[in-house]
Amino acid sequence: MTIVTGCFHVVDANGNESTVTEYMTYLVRVSTTKSYSPMLGGIMYYLSDGTGVRRTCANYFASENGAKRFFVTGKRQQQAATTLANMQSTAPAGAQLQ
């Protein structure tokens, strides 16, 4: 399952504004006899136009080919705490999210 966990408002060197959306992928193992905790599969970042970017450090993103660099403007919408709380409330009894 893939969920949106955050949005970053960014600006490039030319002053063009955009939004980077953070997605977390969780691997959910299913069994009829056992319950398993979801495991973090990976974190992906995409610009609002669908272009994939990578996080180079806490306040910077770069395009996959490294040709463009984006700077976080400080505006961030954090959804991870709410999403994690919702996942834990729907997880099987005794399951721990890692």
N, C-alpha and C. Protein backbone atom coordinates (compact mmCIF):
# COMPACT_ATOMS: atom_id res chain seq x y z
N MET A 1 0.85 -1.15 0.00
CA MET A 1 0.00 0.00 0.00
C MET A 1 0.90 1.22 0.00
N THR A 2 0.48 2.26 -0.72
CA THR A 2 1.22 3.51 -0.80
C THR A 2 0.35 4.63 -0.26
N ILE A 3 0.92 5.45 0.61
CA ILE A 3 0.16 6.55 1.20
C ILE A 3 0.96 7.85 1.09
N VAL A 4 0.24 8.95 1.00
CA VAL A 4 0.87 10.27 1.00
C VAL A 4 1.18 10.64 2.44
N THR A 5 2.44 11.00 2.70
CA THR A 5 2.83 11.32 4.07
C THR A 5 3.31 12.75 4.25
N GLY A 6 3.45 13.49 3.16
CA GLY A 6 3.88 14.87 3.30
C GLY A 6 3.93 15.62 1.99
N CYS A 7 3.87 16.93 2.08
CA CYS A 7 3.98 17.81 0.92
C CYS A 7 4.98 18.91 1.25
N PHE A 8 5.87 19.20 0.33
CA PHE A 8 6.87 20.24 0.51
C PHE A 8 6.69 21.29 -0.57
N HIS A 9 6.61 22.54 -0.18
CA HIS A 9 6.57 23.63 -1.16
C HIS A 9 8.02 23.95 -1.50
N VAL A 10 8.34 23.92 -2.81
CA VAL A 10 9.72 24.12 -3.25
C VAL A 10 9.79 25.22 -4.30
N VAL A 11 11.00 25.72 -4.51
CA VAL A 11 11.26 26.72 -5.54
C VAL A 11 12.57 26.32 -6.24
N ASP A 12 12.63 26.52 -7.57
CA ASP A 12 13.87 26.20 -8.29
C ASP A 12 14.73 27.45 -8.41
N ALA A 13 15.86 27.35 -9.11
CA ALA A 13 16.80 28.47 -9.22
C ALA A 13 16.20 29.66 -9.96
N ASN A 14 15.18 29.43 -10.80
CA ASN A 14 14.54 30.51 -11.56
C ASN A 14 13.37 31.13 -10.81
N GLY A 15 13.08 30.66 -9.60
CA GLY A 15 11.98 31.20 -8.81
C GLY A 15 10.64 30.55 -9.09
N ASN A 16 10.60 29.49 -9.89
CA ASN A 16 9.35 28.78 -10.17
C ASN A 16 8.97 27.93 -8.97
N GLU A 17 7.73 28.09 -8.51
CA GLU A 17 7.26 27.33 -7.35
C GLU A 17 6.59 26.03 -7.78
N SER A 18 6.70 25.03 -6.94
CA SER A 18 6.06 23.74 -7.19
C SER A 18 5.85 23.06 -5.84
N THR A 19 5.29 21.88 -5.89
CA THR A 19 5.07 21.09 -4.68
C THR A 19 5.65 19.70 -4.89
N VAL A 20 6.40 19.23 -3.91
CA VAL A 20 6.90 17.86 -3.91
C VAL A 20 6.04 17.06 -2.95
N THR A 21 5.51 15.94 -3.43
CA THR A 21 4.67 15.07 -2.60
C THR A 21 5.49 13.85 -2.20
N GLU A 22 5.44 13.52 -0.92
CA GLU A 22 6.17 12.38 -0.37
C GLU A 22 5.21 11.20 -0.24
N TYR A 23 5.61 10.06 -0.77
CA TYR A 23 4.82 8.83 -0.67
C TYR A 23 5.64 7.78 0.07
N MET A 24 5.00 7.07 0.99
CA MET A 24 5.64 5.94 1.66
C MET A 24 4.94 4.67 1.21
N THR A 25 5.74 3.67 0.87
CA THR A 25 5.21 2.38 0.46
C THR A 25 5.39 1.40 1.61
N TYR A 26 4.31 0.75 1.97
CA TYR A 26 4.36 -0.26 3.01
C TYR A 26 4.07 -1.62 2.40
N LEU A 27 4.86 -2.61 2.78
CA LEU A 27 4.65 -3.98 2.33
C LEU A 27 3.81 -4.68 3.39
N VAL A 28 2.69 -5.23 2.95
CA VAL A 28 1.78 -5.89 3.88
C VAL A 28 1.74 -7.37 3.53
N ARG A 29 2.23 -8.19 4.44
CA ARG A 29 2.22 -9.64 4.25
C ARG A 29 0.90 -10.18 4.79
N VAL A 30 0.25 -11.00 4.01
CA VAL A 30 -1.07 -11.50 4.38
C VAL A 30 -1.00 -13.01 4.59
N SER A 31 -1.62 -13.46 5.66
CA SER A 31 -1.69 -14.88 5.97
C SER A 31 -3.03 -15.16 6.63
N THR A 32 -3.55 -16.35 6.41
CA THR A 32 -4.82 -16.71 7.04
C THR A 32 -4.63 -17.18 8.48
N THR A 33 -3.39 -17.55 8.85
CA THR A 33 -3.16 -18.08 10.18
C THR A 33 -2.34 -17.17 11.09
N LYS A 34 -1.59 -16.21 10.52
CA LYS A 34 -0.74 -15.33 11.32
C LYS A 34 -1.01 -13.88 10.96
N SER A 35 -0.69 -13.00 11.89
CA SER A 35 -0.77 -11.57 11.57
C SER A 35 0.64 -11.00 11.52
N TYR A 36 0.90 -10.21 10.49
CA TYR A 36 2.21 -9.61 10.29
C TYR A 36 2.10 -8.10 10.32
N SER A 37 3.14 -7.45 10.80
CA SER A 37 3.19 -5.99 10.82
C SER A 37 3.56 -5.48 9.43
N PRO A 38 2.97 -4.35 9.02
CA PRO A 38 3.42 -3.74 7.76
C PRO A 38 4.87 -3.29 7.89
N MET A 39 5.64 -3.42 6.81
CA MET A 39 7.04 -3.00 6.81
C MET A 39 7.21 -1.88 5.80
N LEU A 40 8.05 -0.91 6.14
CA LEU A 40 8.31 0.20 5.23
C LEU A 40 9.08 -0.31 4.02
N GLY A 41 8.51 -0.10 2.84
CA GLY A 41 9.14 -0.57 1.61
C GLY A 41 10.02 0.48 0.96
N GLY A 42 9.67 1.75 1.10
CA GLY A 42 10.47 2.80 0.50
C GLY A 42 9.75 4.13 0.54
N ILE A 43 10.50 5.19 0.28
CA ILE A 43 9.93 6.54 0.24
C ILE A 43 10.22 7.11 -1.14
N MET A 44 9.18 7.66 -1.78
CA MET A 44 9.31 8.24 -3.12
C MET A 44 8.85 9.68 -3.09
N TYR A 45 9.45 10.50 -3.95
CA TYR A 45 9.10 11.92 -4.04
C TYR A 45 8.78 12.26 -5.49
N TYR A 46 7.69 13.03 -5.69
CA TYR A 46 7.29 13.45 -7.03
C TYR A 46 6.89 14.92 -7.01
N LEU A 47 7.27 15.65 -8.08
CA LEU A 47 6.78 17.02 -8.26
C LEU A 47 5.31 16.98 -8.60
N SER A 48 4.64 18.12 -8.52
CA SER A 48 3.21 18.18 -8.82
C SER A 48 2.90 17.81 -10.27
N ASP A 49 3.88 17.91 -11.18
CA ASP A 49 3.65 17.51 -12.58
C ASP A 49 3.95 16.04 -12.83
N GLY A 50 4.31 15.29 -11.78
CA GLY A 50 4.54 13.86 -11.90
C GLY A 50 6.00 13.47 -12.09
N THR A 51 6.89 14.44 -12.20
CA THR A 51 8.31 14.16 -12.38
C THR A 51 8.91 13.63 -11.08
N GLY A 52 9.63 12.53 -11.17
CA GLY A 52 10.28 11.96 -9.99
C GLY A 52 11.48 12.79 -9.57
N VAL A 53 11.63 13.00 -8.28
CA VAL A 53 12.80 13.70 -7.74
C VAL A 53 13.37 12.88 -6.59
N ARG A 54 14.61 13.18 -6.25
CA ARG A 54 15.23 12.49 -5.12
C ARG A 54 15.62 13.53 -4.08
N ARG A 55 15.60 13.11 -2.85
CA ARG A 55 15.94 14.03 -1.75
C ARG A 55 17.44 13.97 -1.55
N THR A 56 18.12 15.10 -1.76
CA THR A 56 19.58 15.11 -1.64
C THR A 56 20.03 15.45 -0.22
N CYS A 57 19.25 16.23 0.51
CA CYS A 57 19.46 16.48 1.93
C CYS A 57 18.15 17.04 2.48
N ALA A 58 18.13 17.46 3.72
CA ALA A 58 16.88 17.84 4.38
C ALA A 58 16.10 18.92 3.64
N ASN A 59 16.76 19.90 3.06
CA ASN A 59 16.05 21.02 2.44
C ASN A 59 16.21 21.11 0.93
N TYR A 60 16.71 20.06 0.29
CA TYR A 60 16.93 20.09 -1.15
C TYR A 60 16.38 18.84 -1.82
N PHE A 61 15.89 19.03 -3.04
CA PHE A 61 15.50 17.93 -3.91
C PHE A 61 16.18 18.15 -5.24
N ALA A 62 16.45 17.09 -5.99
CA ALA A 62 17.04 17.20 -7.31
C ALA A 62 16.28 16.30 -8.27
N SER A 63 16.24 16.69 -9.55
CA SER A 63 15.60 15.83 -10.55
C SER A 63 16.43 14.56 -10.68
N GLU A 64 15.83 13.52 -11.24
CA GLU A 64 16.50 12.23 -11.34
C GLU A 64 17.84 12.33 -12.07
N ASN A 65 17.91 13.18 -13.11
CA ASN A 65 19.15 13.31 -13.87
C ASN A 65 20.09 14.36 -13.27
N GLY A 66 19.66 15.04 -12.21
CA GLY A 66 20.49 16.03 -11.54
C GLY A 66 20.54 17.38 -12.21
N ALA A 67 19.76 17.58 -13.29
CA ALA A 67 19.80 18.83 -14.04
C ALA A 67 19.12 19.98 -13.29
N LYS A 68 18.12 19.69 -12.49
CA LYS A 68 17.40 20.74 -11.75
C LYS A 68 17.49 20.47 -10.26
N ARG A 69 17.55 21.57 -9.51
CA ARG A 69 17.59 21.46 -8.05
C ARG A 69 16.47 22.31 -7.47
N PHE A 70 15.83 21.81 -6.43
CA PHE A 70 14.70 22.49 -5.81
C PHE A 70 15.00 22.70 -4.33
N PHE A 71 14.60 23.86 -3.82
CA PHE A 71 14.86 24.23 -2.44
C PHE A 71 13.53 24.31 -1.69
N VAL A 72 13.47 23.74 -0.51
CA VAL A 72 12.26 23.79 0.32
C VAL A 72 12.11 25.20 0.85
N THR A 73 10.89 25.77 0.71
CA THR A 73 10.66 27.16 1.14
C THR A 73 10.30 27.27 2.61
N GLY A 74 10.15 26.16 3.30
CA GLY A 74 9.82 26.20 4.72
C GLY A 74 8.37 25.86 4.98
N LYS A 75 7.53 25.91 3.95
CA LYS A 75 6.12 25.55 4.12
C LYS A 75 6.00 24.05 3.91
N ARG A 76 5.52 23.35 4.91
CA ARG A 76 5.39 21.90 4.81
C ARG A 76 4.10 21.47 5.46
N GLN A 77 3.40 20.58 4.80
CA GLN A 77 2.18 20.02 5.36
C GLN A 77 2.49 18.60 5.77
N GLN A 78 2.48 18.33 7.06
CA GLN A 78 2.83 17.01 7.56
C GLN A 78 1.59 16.19 7.82
N GLN A 79 1.52 15.01 7.19
CA GLN A 79 0.38 14.13 7.36
C GLN A 79 0.79 12.80 7.98
N ALA A 80 2.07 12.60 8.24
CA ALA A 80 2.54 11.29 8.69
C ALA A 80 1.95 10.88 10.03
N ALA A 81 1.86 11.80 10.98
CA ALA A 81 1.35 11.44 12.30
C ALA A 81 -0.09 10.97 12.22
N THR A 82 -0.91 11.67 11.45
CA THR A 82 -2.31 11.27 11.29
C THR A 82 -2.41 9.93 10.58
N THR A 83 -1.63 9.75 9.52
CA THR A 83 -1.67 8.51 8.76
C THR A 83 -1.22 7.34 9.61
N LEU A 84 -0.13 7.52 10.37
CA LEU A 84 0.37 6.45 11.23
C LEU A 84 -0.65 6.08 12.29
N ALA A 85 -1.30 7.07 12.87
CA ALA A 85 -2.34 6.79 13.88
C ALA A 85 -3.49 6.01 13.26
N ASN A 86 -3.88 6.36 12.04
CA ASN A 86 -4.96 5.65 11.37
C ASN A 86 -4.56 4.22 11.05
N MET A 87 -3.30 4.02 10.62
CA MET A 87 -2.85 2.67 10.29
C MET A 87 -2.79 1.81 11.54
N GLN A 88 -2.34 2.37 12.66
CA GLN A 88 -2.25 1.59 13.89
C GLN A 88 -3.64 1.23 14.41
N SER A 89 -4.61 2.10 14.20
CA SER A 89 -5.96 1.80 14.69
C SER A 89 -6.63 0.72 13.85
N THR A 90 -6.17 0.54 12.59
CA THR A 90 -6.77 -0.49 11.73
C THR A 90 -5.90 -1.74 11.65
N ALA A 91 -4.71 -1.73 12.27
CA ALA A 91 -3.83 -2.89 12.25
C ALA A 91 -4.39 -3.98 13.15
N PRO A 92 -4.06 -5.25 12.83
CA PRO A 92 -4.52 -6.34 13.69
C PRO A 92 -3.98 -6.19 15.11
N ALA A 93 -4.69 -6.75 16.07
CA ALA A 93 -4.29 -6.65 17.48
C ALA A 93 -2.88 -7.18 17.67
N GLY A 94 -2.07 -6.44 18.38
CA GLY A 94 -0.70 -6.85 18.66
C GLY A 94 0.30 -6.49 17.57
N ALA A 95 -0.17 -5.95 16.44
CA ALA A 95 0.74 -5.60 15.35
C ALA A 95 1.46 -4.30 15.67
N GLN A 96 2.72 -4.23 15.32
CA GLN A 96 3.53 -3.03 15.53
C GLN A 96 3.99 -2.53 14.17
N LEU A 97 3.79 -1.24 13.88
CA LEU A 97 4.31 -0.65 12.65
C LEU A 97 5.77 -0.31 12.85
N GLN A 98 6.59 -0.63 11.87
CA GLN A 98 8.03 -0.37 11.99
C GLN A 98 8.45 0.64 10.97
